[in-house]
Amino acid sequence: MKEKTRDSIKKCFKIILGLLLIIVGVCTYATWYKWWPELLTLIKGILGLVIILIGLMFVFIGFSD
C-alpha cells in the first residue's frame, strides 16, 4: 500500500514539474525577439566544439567494436 502511494506521489510530482517546465518554456518563447541575437552568437561559438565531440564519439564507438 505504501509503495502505491509513494509511486503515485512521484508520478504527480513529475507531471507537475513537467507542466511547470512547459509554462516556463512558453514564456521564454514569448520573448524570443529579445534574446535571439545572443542565441545565434552562442550557437556559432559552440558549433565547432560540438562537431569535435561528435567526431570523438564516433571514433570511440569505432574502437569499441
C-alpha atoms as a PDB file:
ATOM      1  CA  MET A   1       0.000   0.000   0.000  1.00  0.00           C
ATOM      2  CA  LYS A   2       2.820   2.402   0.883  1.00  0.00           C
ATOM      3  CA  GLU A   3       4.590   1.702  -2.412  1.00  0.00           C
ATOM      4  CA  LYS A   4       1.485   2.589  -4.429  1.00  0.00           C
ATOM      5  CA  THR A   5       1.141   5.857  -2.542  1.00  0.00           C
ATOM      6  CA  ARG A   6       4.826   6.620  -2.982  1.00  0.00           C
ATOM      7  CA  ASP A   7       4.682   5.807  -6.704  1.00  0.00           C
ATOM      8  CA  SER A   8       1.603   7.973  -7.213  1.00  0.00           C
ATOM      9  CA  ILE A   9       3.275  10.892  -5.396  1.00  0.00           C
ATOM     10  CA  LYS A  10       6.349  10.527  -7.626  1.00  0.00           C
ATOM     11  CA  LYS A  11       4.142  10.417 -10.704  1.00  0.00           C
ATOM     12  CA  CYS A  12       2.231  13.547  -9.636  1.00  0.00           C
ATOM     13  CA  PHE A  13       5.494  15.349  -8.879  1.00  0.00           C
ATOM     14  CA  LYS A  14       6.846  14.502 -12.334  1.00  0.00           C
ATOM     15  CA  ILE A  15       3.651  15.693 -14.012  1.00  0.00           C
ATOM     16  CA  ILE A  16       3.637  18.977 -12.065  1.00  0.00           C
ATOM     17  CA  LEU A  17       7.327  19.551 -12.777  1.00  0.00           C
ATOM     18  CA  GLY A  18       6.756  18.840 -16.470  1.00  0.00           C
ATOM     19  CA  LEU A  19       3.863  21.283 -16.635  1.00  0.00           C
ATOM     20  CA  LEU A  20       5.912  23.975 -14.893  1.00  0.00           C
ATOM     21  CA  LEU A  21       8.755  23.474 -17.357  1.00  0.00           C
ATOM     22  CA  ILE A  22       6.324  23.720 -20.263  1.00  0.00           C
ATOM     23  CA  ILE A  23       4.976  27.004 -18.881  1.00  0.00           C
ATOM     24  CA  VAL A  24       8.492  28.408 -18.436  1.00  0.00           C
ATOM     25  CA  GLY A  25       9.385  27.316 -21.966  1.00  0.00           C
ATOM     26  CA  VAL A  26       6.331  29.026 -23.421  1.00  0.00           C
ATOM     27  CA  CYS A  27       7.177  32.198 -21.507  1.00  0.00           C
ATOM     28  CA  THR A  28      10.692  32.233 -22.928  1.00  0.00           C
ATOM     29  CA  TYR A  29       9.367  31.807 -26.461  1.00  0.00           C
ATOM     30  CA  ALA A  30       7.007  34.716 -25.870  1.00  0.00           C
ATOM     31  CA  THR A  31      10.076  36.967 -25.527  1.00  0.00           C
ATOM     32  CA  TRP A  32      12.281  35.294 -28.161  1.00  0.00           C
ATOM     33  CA  TYR A  33      12.818  38.519 -30.103  1.00  0.00           C
ATOM     34  CA  LYS A  34      14.790  39.984 -27.194  1.00  0.00           C
ATOM     35  CA  TRP A  35      17.427  37.231 -26.939  1.00  0.00           C
ATOM     36  CA  TRP A  36      17.561  35.856 -30.488  1.00  0.00           C
ATOM     37  CA  PRO A  37      20.856  37.596 -31.481  1.00  0.00           C
ATOM     38  CA  GLU A  38      22.598  36.329 -28.342  1.00  0.00           C
ATOM     39  CA  LEU A  39      21.358  32.794 -29.009  1.00  0.00           C
ATOM     40  CA  LEU A  40      22.759  32.880 -32.535  1.00  0.00           C
ATOM     41  CA  THR A  41      26.112  34.076 -31.181  1.00  0.00           C
ATOM     42  CA  LEU A  42      26.129  31.236 -28.655  1.00  0.00           C
ATOM     43  CA  ILE A  43      25.308  28.642 -31.326  1.00  0.00           C
ATOM     44  CA  LYS A  44      28.065  29.952 -33.586  1.00  0.00           C
ATOM     45  CA  GLY A  45      30.557  29.741 -30.729  1.00  0.00           C
ATOM     46  CA  ILE A  46      29.621  26.216 -29.659  1.00  0.00           C
ATOM     47  CA  LEU A  47      29.176  24.646 -33.102  1.00  0.00           C
ATOM     48  CA  GLY A  48      32.841  23.750 -33.610  1.00  0.00           C
ATOM     49  CA  LEU A  49      33.168  22.143 -30.196  1.00  0.00           C
ATOM     50  CA  VAL A  50      30.000  20.104 -30.714  1.00  0.00           C
ATOM     51  CA  ILE A  51      31.286  18.808 -34.055  1.00  0.00           C
ATOM     52  CA  ILE A  52      34.604  17.812 -32.448  1.00  0.00           C
ATOM     53  CA  LEU A  53      32.806  15.979 -29.616  1.00  0.00           C
ATOM     54  CA  ILE A  54      30.541  14.134 -32.061  1.00  0.00           C
ATOM     55  CA  GLY A  55      33.613  13.103 -34.042  1.00  0.00           C
ATOM     56  CA  LEU A  56      35.303  11.823 -30.880  1.00  0.00           C
ATOM     57  CA  MET A  57      32.193   9.873 -30.001  1.00  0.00           C
ATOM     58  CA  PHE A  58      32.237   8.142 -33.383  1.00  0.00           C
ATOM     59  CA  VAL A  59      35.955   7.352 -33.038  1.00  0.00           C
ATOM     60  CA  PHE A  60      35.377   5.782 -29.616  1.00  0.00           C
ATOM     61  CA  ILE A  61      32.420   3.797 -30.958  1.00  0.00           C
ATOM     62  CA  GLY A  62      34.626   2.581 -33.817  1.00  0.00           C
ATOM     63  CA  PHE A  63      37.343   1.406 -31.449  1.00  0.00           C
ATOM     64  CA  SER A  64      34.913  -0.328 -29.129  1.00  0.00           C
ATOM     65  CA  ASP A  65      33.544  -2.630 -31.856  1.00  0.00           C
END
